[in-house]
N, C-alpha and C. Protein backbone atom coordinates (compact mmCIF):
# COMPACT_ATOMS: atom_id res chain seq x y z
N MET A 1 -10.91 -3.68 17.28
CA MET A 1 -10.31 -2.50 17.88
C MET A 1 -9.89 -1.55 16.76
N ASN A 2 -10.27 -0.29 16.89
CA ASN A 2 -9.84 0.73 15.94
C ASN A 2 -8.41 1.13 16.26
N HIS A 3 -7.59 1.26 15.23
CA HIS A 3 -6.22 1.72 15.40
C HIS A 3 -6.12 3.11 14.82
N PRO A 4 -5.68 4.09 15.62
CA PRO A 4 -5.48 5.42 15.03
C PRO A 4 -4.44 5.34 13.92
N LEU A 5 -4.59 6.22 12.95
CA LEU A 5 -3.68 6.21 11.80
C LEU A 5 -2.23 6.30 12.23
N ARG A 6 -1.94 7.08 13.24
CA ARG A 6 -0.54 7.26 13.63
C ARG A 6 0.11 5.92 14.01
N ARG A 7 -0.67 4.93 14.41
CA ARG A 7 -0.12 3.61 14.74
C ARG A 7 0.00 2.75 13.49
N THR A 8 -0.56 3.18 12.39
CA THR A 8 -0.46 2.40 11.16
C THR A 8 0.21 3.20 10.05
N THR A 9 1.04 4.13 10.45
CA THR A 9 1.88 4.85 9.50
C THR A 9 3.31 4.38 9.71
N THR A 10 3.98 4.07 8.62
CA THR A 10 5.34 3.56 8.69
C THR A 10 6.26 4.49 7.92
N ILE A 11 7.39 4.81 8.52
CA ILE A 11 8.42 5.58 7.82
C ILE A 11 9.70 4.75 7.83
N MET A 12 10.22 4.49 6.65
CA MET A 12 11.47 3.73 6.50
C MET A 12 12.42 4.54 5.63
N SER A 13 13.70 4.38 5.88
CA SER A 13 14.68 5.06 5.02
C SER A 13 15.84 4.13 4.72
N HIS A 14 16.43 4.33 3.54
CA HIS A 14 17.54 3.49 3.07
C HIS A 14 18.46 4.36 2.22
N VAL A 15 19.77 4.17 2.40
CA VAL A 15 20.74 4.81 1.51
C VAL A 15 20.88 3.92 0.29
N MET A 16 20.77 4.51 -0.89
CA MET A 16 20.90 3.76 -2.13
C MET A 16 22.38 3.54 -2.45
N LEU A 17 22.71 2.29 -2.70
CA LEU A 17 24.10 1.86 -2.90
C LEU A 17 24.34 1.44 -4.35
N PRO A 18 25.60 1.26 -4.75
CA PRO A 18 25.89 0.88 -6.14
C PRO A 18 25.15 -0.38 -6.59
N GLU A 19 24.97 -1.36 -5.71
CA GLU A 19 24.27 -2.59 -6.12
C GLU A 19 22.78 -2.35 -6.38
N ASP A 20 22.26 -1.18 -5.99
CA ASP A 20 20.85 -0.84 -6.23
C ASP A 20 20.65 -0.16 -7.59
N ALA A 21 21.75 0.10 -8.31
CA ALA A 21 21.68 0.97 -9.49
C ALA A 21 22.11 0.27 -10.77
N ASN A 22 21.74 0.91 -11.88
CA ASN A 22 22.22 0.47 -13.19
C ASN A 22 23.58 1.14 -13.45
N PRO A 23 24.24 0.84 -14.57
CA PRO A 23 25.56 1.43 -14.84
C PRO A 23 25.57 2.96 -14.91
N SER A 24 24.42 3.58 -15.14
CA SER A 24 24.36 5.04 -15.19
C SER A 24 24.20 5.67 -13.82
N GLY A 25 24.02 4.85 -12.79
CA GLY A 25 23.86 5.39 -11.44
C GLY A 25 22.42 5.62 -11.02
N ASN A 26 21.48 5.30 -11.91
CA ASN A 26 20.05 5.41 -11.55
C ASN A 26 19.62 4.17 -10.78
N ILE A 27 18.82 4.36 -9.75
CA ILE A 27 18.34 3.24 -8.95
C ILE A 27 17.31 2.46 -9.76
N HIS A 28 17.44 1.12 -9.75
CA HIS A 28 16.49 0.26 -10.45
C HIS A 28 15.09 0.43 -9.86
N GLY A 29 14.10 0.49 -10.73
CA GLY A 29 12.71 0.58 -10.28
C GLY A 29 12.30 -0.58 -9.40
N GLY A 30 12.82 -1.77 -9.70
CA GLY A 30 12.48 -2.95 -8.90
C GLY A 30 12.98 -2.85 -7.47
N VAL A 31 14.11 -2.19 -7.27
CA VAL A 31 14.64 -1.98 -5.92
C VAL A 31 13.68 -1.08 -5.15
N VAL A 32 13.23 -0.02 -5.80
CA VAL A 32 12.29 0.91 -5.15
C VAL A 32 10.97 0.19 -4.88
N MET A 33 10.52 -0.64 -5.83
CA MET A 33 9.27 -1.38 -5.63
C MET A 33 9.36 -2.29 -4.41
N LYS A 34 10.50 -2.94 -4.22
CA LYS A 34 10.67 -3.82 -3.05
C LYS A 34 10.55 -3.01 -1.76
N HIS A 35 11.18 -1.85 -1.71
CA HIS A 35 11.10 -1.01 -0.52
C HIS A 35 9.66 -0.52 -0.29
N ILE A 36 8.97 -0.18 -1.37
CA ILE A 36 7.57 0.24 -1.27
C ILE A 36 6.73 -0.89 -0.68
N ASP A 37 6.90 -2.09 -1.21
CA ASP A 37 6.13 -3.24 -0.72
C ASP A 37 6.43 -3.52 0.75
N ASN A 38 7.69 -3.42 1.15
CA ASN A 38 8.05 -3.65 2.55
C ASN A 38 7.41 -2.63 3.48
N ALA A 39 7.50 -1.34 3.14
CA ALA A 39 6.92 -0.30 3.99
C ALA A 39 5.41 -0.45 4.08
N ALA A 40 4.77 -0.70 2.94
CA ALA A 40 3.32 -0.87 2.93
C ALA A 40 2.91 -2.12 3.71
N GLY A 41 3.69 -3.18 3.60
CA GLY A 41 3.40 -4.42 4.33
C GLY A 41 3.46 -4.23 5.84
N VAL A 42 4.43 -3.45 6.32
CA VAL A 42 4.51 -3.16 7.75
C VAL A 42 3.27 -2.40 8.20
N THR A 43 2.85 -1.43 7.41
CA THR A 43 1.63 -0.68 7.75
C THR A 43 0.43 -1.61 7.81
N ALA A 44 0.30 -2.50 6.83
CA ALA A 44 -0.83 -3.43 6.80
C ALA A 44 -0.79 -4.37 8.01
N MET A 45 0.39 -4.84 8.38
CA MET A 45 0.51 -5.72 9.55
C MET A 45 0.21 -4.98 10.84
N ARG A 46 0.60 -3.72 10.92
CA ARG A 46 0.30 -2.94 12.13
C ARG A 46 -1.20 -2.79 12.32
N HIS A 47 -1.92 -2.62 11.23
CA HIS A 47 -3.38 -2.49 11.36
C HIS A 47 -4.02 -3.84 11.67
N SER A 48 -3.64 -4.86 10.94
CA SER A 48 -4.31 -6.15 11.05
C SER A 48 -3.81 -7.00 12.21
N ARG A 49 -2.57 -6.75 12.63
CA ARG A 49 -1.92 -7.60 13.63
C ARG A 49 -1.98 -9.06 13.20
N SER A 50 -1.74 -9.25 11.90
CA SER A 50 -1.73 -10.60 11.33
C SER A 50 -0.76 -10.63 10.16
N ASN A 51 -0.55 -11.83 9.64
CA ASN A 51 0.23 -11.96 8.42
C ASN A 51 -0.60 -11.36 7.28
N VAL A 52 0.07 -10.76 6.33
CA VAL A 52 -0.61 -10.16 5.17
C VAL A 52 0.13 -10.56 3.90
N VAL A 53 -0.59 -10.49 2.79
CA VAL A 53 0.02 -10.70 1.48
C VAL A 53 -0.35 -9.53 0.58
N THR A 54 0.55 -9.20 -0.33
CA THR A 54 0.26 -8.16 -1.31
C THR A 54 -0.67 -8.76 -2.35
N ALA A 55 -1.87 -8.20 -2.46
CA ALA A 55 -2.84 -8.68 -3.45
C ALA A 55 -2.63 -7.98 -4.78
N SER A 56 -2.31 -6.68 -4.72
CA SER A 56 -2.11 -5.95 -5.97
C SER A 56 -1.40 -4.63 -5.69
N ILE A 57 -0.76 -4.15 -6.73
CA ILE A 57 -0.26 -2.78 -6.74
C ILE A 57 -1.20 -2.06 -7.69
N GLU A 58 -2.06 -1.23 -7.12
CA GLU A 58 -3.07 -0.55 -7.93
C GLU A 58 -2.45 0.49 -8.85
N ARG A 59 -1.45 1.17 -8.33
CA ARG A 59 -0.82 2.21 -9.13
C ARG A 59 0.57 2.45 -8.57
N LEU A 60 1.51 2.66 -9.47
CA LEU A 60 2.87 3.01 -9.08
C LEU A 60 3.38 4.01 -10.11
N ASP A 61 3.69 5.19 -9.65
CA ASP A 61 4.19 6.25 -10.52
C ASP A 61 5.58 6.67 -10.06
N PHE A 62 6.53 6.67 -11.00
CA PHE A 62 7.86 7.20 -10.74
C PHE A 62 7.89 8.62 -11.29
N HIS A 63 8.16 9.59 -10.43
CA HIS A 63 8.15 10.99 -10.84
C HIS A 63 9.54 11.48 -11.25
N TYR A 64 10.56 11.07 -10.52
CA TYR A 64 11.94 11.49 -10.77
C TYR A 64 12.86 10.31 -10.47
N PRO A 65 14.02 10.26 -11.11
CA PRO A 65 14.96 9.18 -10.80
C PRO A 65 15.59 9.36 -9.42
N MET A 66 16.09 8.26 -8.89
CA MET A 66 16.87 8.25 -7.66
C MET A 66 18.27 7.78 -8.02
N TYR A 67 19.26 8.21 -7.24
CA TYR A 67 20.65 7.96 -7.60
C TYR A 67 21.42 7.31 -6.45
N ILE A 68 22.56 6.72 -6.80
CA ILE A 68 23.46 6.18 -5.77
C ILE A 68 23.78 7.30 -4.78
N GLY A 69 23.69 6.99 -3.51
CA GLY A 69 23.98 7.97 -2.47
C GLY A 69 22.75 8.69 -1.95
N ASP A 70 21.64 8.64 -2.69
CA ASP A 70 20.41 9.25 -2.19
C ASP A 70 19.90 8.48 -0.98
N LEU A 71 19.31 9.20 -0.05
CA LEU A 71 18.58 8.57 1.05
C LEU A 71 17.13 8.54 0.61
N ILE A 72 16.57 7.34 0.43
CA ILE A 72 15.15 7.30 0.09
C ILE A 72 14.36 7.13 1.38
N VAL A 73 13.30 7.90 1.48
CA VAL A 73 12.42 7.87 2.65
C VAL A 73 11.04 7.49 2.15
N LEU A 74 10.50 6.42 2.73
CA LEU A 74 9.18 5.92 2.33
C LEU A 74 8.21 6.15 3.48
N LYS A 75 7.09 6.77 3.18
CA LYS A 75 6.04 6.97 4.18
C LYS A 75 4.81 6.22 3.71
N ALA A 76 4.44 5.18 4.45
CA ALA A 76 3.29 4.34 4.10
C ALA A 76 2.17 4.60 5.10
N SER A 77 0.96 4.83 4.59
CA SER A 77 -0.19 5.12 5.45
C SER A 77 -1.39 4.31 5.01
N LEU A 78 -2.15 3.86 5.99
CA LEU A 78 -3.40 3.15 5.72
C LEU A 78 -4.39 4.15 5.14
N ASN A 79 -5.03 3.78 4.02
CA ASN A 79 -6.01 4.66 3.39
C ASN A 79 -7.44 4.18 3.61
N ALA A 80 -7.68 2.88 3.51
CA ALA A 80 -9.04 2.35 3.65
C ALA A 80 -8.98 0.86 3.96
N VAL A 81 -10.07 0.37 4.56
CA VAL A 81 -10.17 -1.03 4.95
C VAL A 81 -11.51 -1.57 4.49
N SER A 82 -11.51 -2.78 3.93
CA SER A 82 -12.77 -3.48 3.65
C SER A 82 -12.82 -4.67 4.61
N ARG A 83 -13.56 -5.69 4.28
CA ARG A 83 -13.70 -6.82 5.21
C ARG A 83 -12.38 -7.52 5.46
N THR A 84 -11.67 -7.88 4.38
CA THR A 84 -10.44 -8.66 4.52
C THR A 84 -9.24 -8.03 3.84
N SER A 85 -9.42 -6.88 3.21
CA SER A 85 -8.30 -6.24 2.52
C SER A 85 -8.22 -4.78 2.90
N MET A 86 -7.08 -4.19 2.60
CA MET A 86 -6.86 -2.78 2.93
C MET A 86 -5.96 -2.15 1.88
N GLU A 87 -6.18 -0.85 1.66
CA GLU A 87 -5.31 -0.11 0.75
C GLU A 87 -4.32 0.70 1.57
N VAL A 88 -3.06 0.64 1.15
CA VAL A 88 -1.99 1.41 1.77
C VAL A 88 -1.39 2.30 0.68
N GLY A 89 -1.22 3.57 1.00
CA GLY A 89 -0.57 4.51 0.09
C GLY A 89 0.87 4.73 0.54
N VAL A 90 1.77 4.85 -0.42
CA VAL A 90 3.19 5.06 -0.10
C VAL A 90 3.70 6.26 -0.90
N ARG A 91 4.36 7.17 -0.20
CA ARG A 91 5.03 8.31 -0.82
C ARG A 91 6.53 8.08 -0.64
N VAL A 92 7.27 8.21 -1.75
CA VAL A 92 8.72 8.01 -1.71
C VAL A 92 9.39 9.34 -2.02
N GLU A 93 10.32 9.72 -1.15
CA GLU A 93 11.12 10.92 -1.38
C GLU A 93 12.58 10.52 -1.39
N ALA A 94 13.37 11.22 -2.16
CA ALA A 94 14.82 11.00 -2.18
C ALA A 94 15.50 12.28 -1.70
N GLU A 95 16.42 12.10 -0.77
CA GLU A 95 17.18 13.24 -0.26
C GLU A 95 18.62 13.13 -0.72
N ASP A 96 19.10 14.18 -1.35
CA ASP A 96 20.53 14.26 -1.68
C ASP A 96 21.23 14.65 -0.38
N LEU A 97 22.00 13.72 0.18
CA LEU A 97 22.62 13.96 1.48
C LEU A 97 23.70 15.03 1.45
N MET A 98 24.21 15.36 0.27
CA MET A 98 25.24 16.40 0.17
C MET A 98 24.63 17.80 0.13
N THR A 99 23.46 17.94 -0.51
CA THR A 99 22.86 19.27 -0.66
C THR A 99 21.63 19.46 0.22
N GLY A 100 21.03 18.37 0.68
CA GLY A 100 19.80 18.47 1.46
C GLY A 100 18.55 18.56 0.62
N GLU A 101 18.71 18.59 -0.71
CA GLU A 101 17.54 18.67 -1.60
C GLU A 101 16.69 17.41 -1.45
N ILE A 102 15.37 17.62 -1.34
CA ILE A 102 14.42 16.51 -1.23
C ILE A 102 13.50 16.54 -2.44
N ARG A 103 13.35 15.37 -3.09
CA ARG A 103 12.48 15.26 -4.26
C ARG A 103 11.43 14.19 -4.00
N HIS A 104 10.18 14.48 -4.36
CA HIS A 104 9.12 13.46 -4.32
C HIS A 104 9.33 12.61 -5.56
N THR A 105 9.79 11.37 -5.38
CA THR A 105 10.23 10.56 -6.51
C THR A 105 9.25 9.50 -6.96
N ALA A 106 8.36 9.04 -6.08
CA ALA A 106 7.42 7.98 -6.47
C ALA A 106 6.22 7.97 -5.53
N SER A 107 5.11 7.43 -6.03
CA SER A 107 3.89 7.24 -5.25
C SER A 107 3.28 5.92 -5.65
N ALA A 108 2.65 5.24 -4.69
CA ALA A 108 2.05 3.94 -5.00
C ALA A 108 0.85 3.68 -4.10
N TYR A 109 -0.08 2.87 -4.63
CA TYR A 109 -1.22 2.36 -3.86
C TYR A 109 -1.17 0.84 -3.96
N LEU A 110 -1.16 0.18 -2.81
CA LEU A 110 -1.10 -1.28 -2.76
C LEU A 110 -2.28 -1.81 -1.97
N THR A 111 -2.74 -3.00 -2.34
CA THR A 111 -3.81 -3.67 -1.61
C THR A 111 -3.23 -4.92 -0.95
N PHE A 112 -3.52 -5.07 0.33
CA PHE A 112 -3.07 -6.23 1.10
C PHE A 112 -4.27 -6.99 1.62
N VAL A 113 -4.12 -8.30 1.74
CA VAL A 113 -5.14 -9.16 2.33
C VAL A 113 -4.58 -9.70 3.63
N SER A 114 -5.39 -9.63 4.68
CA SER A 114 -5.03 -10.16 5.99
C SER A 114 -5.33 -11.66 6.01
N LEU A 115 -4.39 -12.44 6.55
CA LEU A 115 -4.56 -13.90 6.57
C LEU A 115 -4.63 -14.44 8.00
N ASP A 116 -5.44 -15.48 8.17
CA ASP A 116 -5.49 -16.16 9.46
C ASP A 116 -4.38 -17.20 9.53
N GLU A 117 -4.38 -18.00 10.59
CA GLU A 117 -3.31 -18.98 10.81
C GLU A 117 -3.27 -20.07 9.73
N THR A 118 -4.40 -20.27 9.04
CA THR A 118 -4.45 -21.30 7.99
C THR A 118 -4.18 -20.74 6.60
N GLY A 119 -3.90 -19.43 6.53
CA GLY A 119 -3.63 -18.82 5.24
C GLY A 119 -4.87 -18.35 4.50
N ARG A 120 -6.01 -18.33 5.18
CA ARG A 120 -7.27 -17.87 4.57
C ARG A 120 -7.49 -16.40 4.93
N PRO A 121 -8.18 -15.65 4.06
CA PRO A 121 -8.49 -14.25 4.40
C PRO A 121 -9.26 -14.17 5.72
N ARG A 122 -8.92 -13.16 6.52
CA ARG A 122 -9.60 -12.98 7.80
C ARG A 122 -10.15 -11.56 7.89
N LEU A 123 -11.17 -11.39 8.71
CA LEU A 123 -11.79 -10.08 8.88
C LEU A 123 -10.81 -9.11 9.52
N LEU A 124 -10.89 -7.87 9.07
CA LEU A 124 -10.02 -6.81 9.57
C LEU A 124 -10.76 -5.92 10.55
N PRO A 125 -10.03 -5.32 11.48
CA PRO A 125 -10.66 -4.29 12.30
C PRO A 125 -10.97 -3.08 11.42
N PRO A 126 -12.04 -2.36 11.73
CA PRO A 126 -12.37 -1.18 10.91
C PRO A 126 -11.33 -0.08 11.08
N TYR A 127 -11.36 0.84 10.16
CA TYR A 127 -10.49 2.02 10.21
C TYR A 127 -11.36 3.25 10.06
N GLU A 128 -11.21 4.18 10.97
CA GLU A 128 -11.96 5.43 10.92
C GLU A 128 -10.97 6.58 10.78
N PRO A 129 -10.99 7.27 9.63
CA PRO A 129 -10.09 8.42 9.48
C PRO A 129 -10.46 9.51 10.47
N GLU A 130 -9.46 10.26 10.91
CA GLU A 130 -9.70 11.29 11.92
C GLU A 130 -9.48 12.71 11.40
N THR A 131 -8.41 12.94 10.65
CA THR A 131 -8.12 14.29 10.17
C THR A 131 -8.75 14.51 8.80
N GLU A 132 -8.78 15.76 8.36
CA GLU A 132 -9.33 16.06 7.03
C GLU A 132 -8.51 15.38 5.94
N GLU A 133 -7.18 15.37 6.10
CA GLU A 133 -6.31 14.71 5.12
C GLU A 133 -6.60 13.21 5.07
N GLU A 134 -6.76 12.58 6.22
CA GLU A 134 -7.10 11.16 6.27
C GLU A 134 -8.45 10.90 5.61
N CYS A 135 -9.42 11.79 5.86
CA CYS A 135 -10.75 11.64 5.24
C CYS A 135 -10.66 11.76 3.72
N ARG A 136 -9.86 12.71 3.23
CA ARG A 136 -9.69 12.88 1.79
C ARG A 136 -9.08 11.62 1.17
N ARG A 137 -8.02 11.11 1.79
CA ARG A 137 -7.38 9.90 1.27
C ARG A 137 -8.32 8.69 1.36
N HIS A 138 -9.11 8.63 2.42
CA HIS A 138 -10.06 7.53 2.61
C HIS A 138 -11.11 7.54 1.51
N ARG A 139 -11.69 8.72 1.21
CA ARG A 139 -12.70 8.82 0.14
C ARG A 139 -12.12 8.39 -1.20
N ALA A 140 -10.92 8.87 -1.51
CA ALA A 140 -10.28 8.51 -2.78
C ALA A 140 -9.99 7.01 -2.83
N ALA A 141 -9.57 6.44 -1.72
CA ALA A 141 -9.27 5.00 -1.68
C ALA A 141 -10.54 4.18 -1.88
N LEU A 142 -11.64 4.58 -1.26
CA LEU A 142 -12.90 3.85 -1.43
C LEU A 142 -13.34 3.86 -2.89
N LYS A 143 -13.14 5.00 -3.55
CA LYS A 143 -13.48 5.10 -4.97
C LYS A 143 -12.61 4.13 -5.79
N ARG A 144 -11.30 4.11 -5.52
CA ARG A 144 -10.40 3.19 -6.23
C ARG A 144 -10.79 1.74 -5.96
N MET A 145 -11.16 1.43 -4.72
CA MET A 145 -11.54 0.06 -4.37
C MET A 145 -12.80 -0.37 -5.11
N ARG A 146 -13.77 0.53 -5.23
CA ARG A 146 -15.01 0.20 -5.97
C ARG A 146 -14.70 -0.07 -7.44
N ILE A 147 -13.88 0.80 -8.04
CA ILE A 147 -13.51 0.64 -9.45
C ILE A 147 -12.77 -0.68 -9.64
N HIS A 148 -11.82 -0.98 -8.77
CA HIS A 148 -11.05 -2.22 -8.88
C HIS A 148 -11.96 -3.43 -8.73
N LYS A 149 -12.91 -3.37 -7.81
CA LYS A 149 -13.82 -4.50 -7.61
C LYS A 149 -14.67 -4.73 -8.86
N LYS A 150 -15.17 -3.64 -9.47
CA LYS A 150 -15.96 -3.78 -10.71
C LYS A 150 -15.13 -4.41 -11.82
N LYS A 151 -13.89 -3.96 -11.97
CA LYS A 151 -13.01 -4.53 -13.01
C LYS A 151 -12.76 -6.01 -12.75
N ARG A 152 -12.53 -6.37 -11.50
CA ARG A 152 -12.26 -7.76 -11.15
C ARG A 152 -13.48 -8.62 -11.45
N LEU A 153 -14.68 -8.13 -11.12
CA LEU A 153 -15.90 -8.89 -11.39
C LEU A 153 -16.15 -9.03 -12.89
N ARG A 154 -15.88 -7.95 -13.66
CA ARG A 154 -16.03 -8.02 -15.12
C ARG A 154 -15.09 -9.06 -15.71
N ARG A 155 -13.83 -9.07 -15.25
CA ARG A 155 -12.86 -10.06 -15.75
C ARG A 155 -13.32 -11.47 -15.43
N ALA A 156 -13.80 -11.67 -14.22
CA ALA A 156 -14.27 -13.00 -13.81
C ALA A 156 -15.47 -13.42 -14.65
N ASN A 157 -16.40 -12.51 -14.90
CA ASN A 157 -17.59 -12.83 -15.68
C ASN A 157 -17.25 -13.10 -17.14
N SER A 158 -16.29 -12.36 -17.69
CA SER A 158 -15.96 -12.54 -19.11
C SER A 158 -15.15 -13.82 -19.33
N SER A 159 -14.44 -14.27 -18.31
CA SER A 159 -13.64 -15.49 -18.48
C SER A 159 -14.42 -16.74 -18.12
N GLY A 160 -15.56 -16.55 -17.48
CA GLY A 160 -16.35 -17.70 -17.05
C GLY A 160 -15.83 -18.31 -15.76
N ALA A 161 -14.72 -17.77 -15.25
CA ALA A 161 -14.17 -18.29 -14.00
C ALA A 161 -14.90 -17.68 -12.82
N PRO A 162 -14.99 -18.41 -11.72
CA PRO A 162 -15.63 -17.82 -10.55
C PRO A 162 -14.81 -16.65 -10.03
N SER A 163 -15.49 -15.66 -9.47
CA SER A 163 -14.82 -14.49 -8.93
C SER A 163 -14.13 -14.84 -7.62
N SER A 164 -12.89 -14.42 -7.49
CA SER A 164 -12.19 -14.61 -6.21
C SER A 164 -12.17 -13.27 -5.51
N ASP A 165 -13.26 -12.93 -4.88
CA ASP A 165 -13.41 -11.62 -4.25
C ASP A 165 -12.77 -11.64 -2.88
N THR A 166 -11.47 -11.35 -2.84
CA THR A 166 -10.77 -11.34 -1.56
C THR A 166 -10.87 -10.00 -0.86
N SER A 167 -11.42 -9.00 -1.53
CA SER A 167 -11.46 -7.69 -0.90
C SER A 167 -12.66 -7.52 0.01
N GLY A 168 -13.61 -8.43 -0.03
CA GLY A 168 -14.77 -8.30 0.83
C GLY A 168 -15.62 -7.11 0.43
N LEU A 169 -16.35 -6.62 1.37
CA LEU A 169 -17.22 -5.48 1.13
C LEU A 169 -16.44 -4.20 1.33
N ILE A 170 -16.91 -3.14 0.72
CA ILE A 170 -16.24 -1.86 0.84
C ILE A 170 -16.38 -1.34 2.27
N SER A 171 -15.37 -0.60 2.71
CA SER A 171 -15.24 -0.11 4.08
C SER A 171 -16.57 0.31 4.70
N GLY A 172 -16.70 0.02 5.96
CA GLY A 172 -17.89 0.39 6.69
C GLY A 172 -18.81 -0.79 6.90
N ASP A 173 -18.66 -1.87 6.14
CA ASP A 173 -19.52 -3.04 6.27
C ASP A 173 -18.69 -4.17 6.85
N HIS A 174 -18.61 -4.21 8.17
CA HIS A 174 -17.74 -5.18 8.83
C HIS A 174 -18.54 -6.24 9.57
N GLU A 175 -19.82 -6.42 9.23
CA GLU A 175 -20.60 -7.44 9.91
C GLU A 175 -20.09 -8.81 9.50
N LYS A 176 -20.10 -9.70 10.45
CA LYS A 176 -19.68 -11.07 10.16
C LYS A 176 -20.83 -11.78 9.49
N SER A 177 -20.51 -12.49 8.41
CA SER A 177 -21.56 -13.25 7.74
C SER A 177 -21.59 -14.65 8.33
N GLY A 178 -22.78 -15.20 8.42
CA GLY A 178 -22.92 -16.48 9.09
C GLY A 178 -23.03 -17.54 8.16
């Protein structure tokens, strides 16, 4: 079953508290990373309707610091799907609740693998982007997925270890192999 993007977009918000910060009042990057992983994981579960695991964080960029008292808002969206894995993009904004100023503070791309009841990778439903923005993000995600797959195969070949290709085939190839 195809899920429209609007059903696999997650918006979460959290007020940053003193326990989230260092002595200077800046929010720890690890705290933000946890929130990013949670928002992206919900998006992945909404699409797969299964348990998922974070396979990798392809990219995480911090643009501006976040502070105690900021409201961080995370928007996670499905970007692309392969046979058993999917890329989720997350945009993080921080709102100063006293002034209303909103800053784009971080961006990330994460890959999740869908798991069956036994903990093995399972086939995912396909994803078809609908809007021009979704199509743009989908094309960029497919390019990142191809590059990541090549790097993973090169690492496996250079180490002599067998490749653990959990990402399956690149989006659009959802035939079941027998």
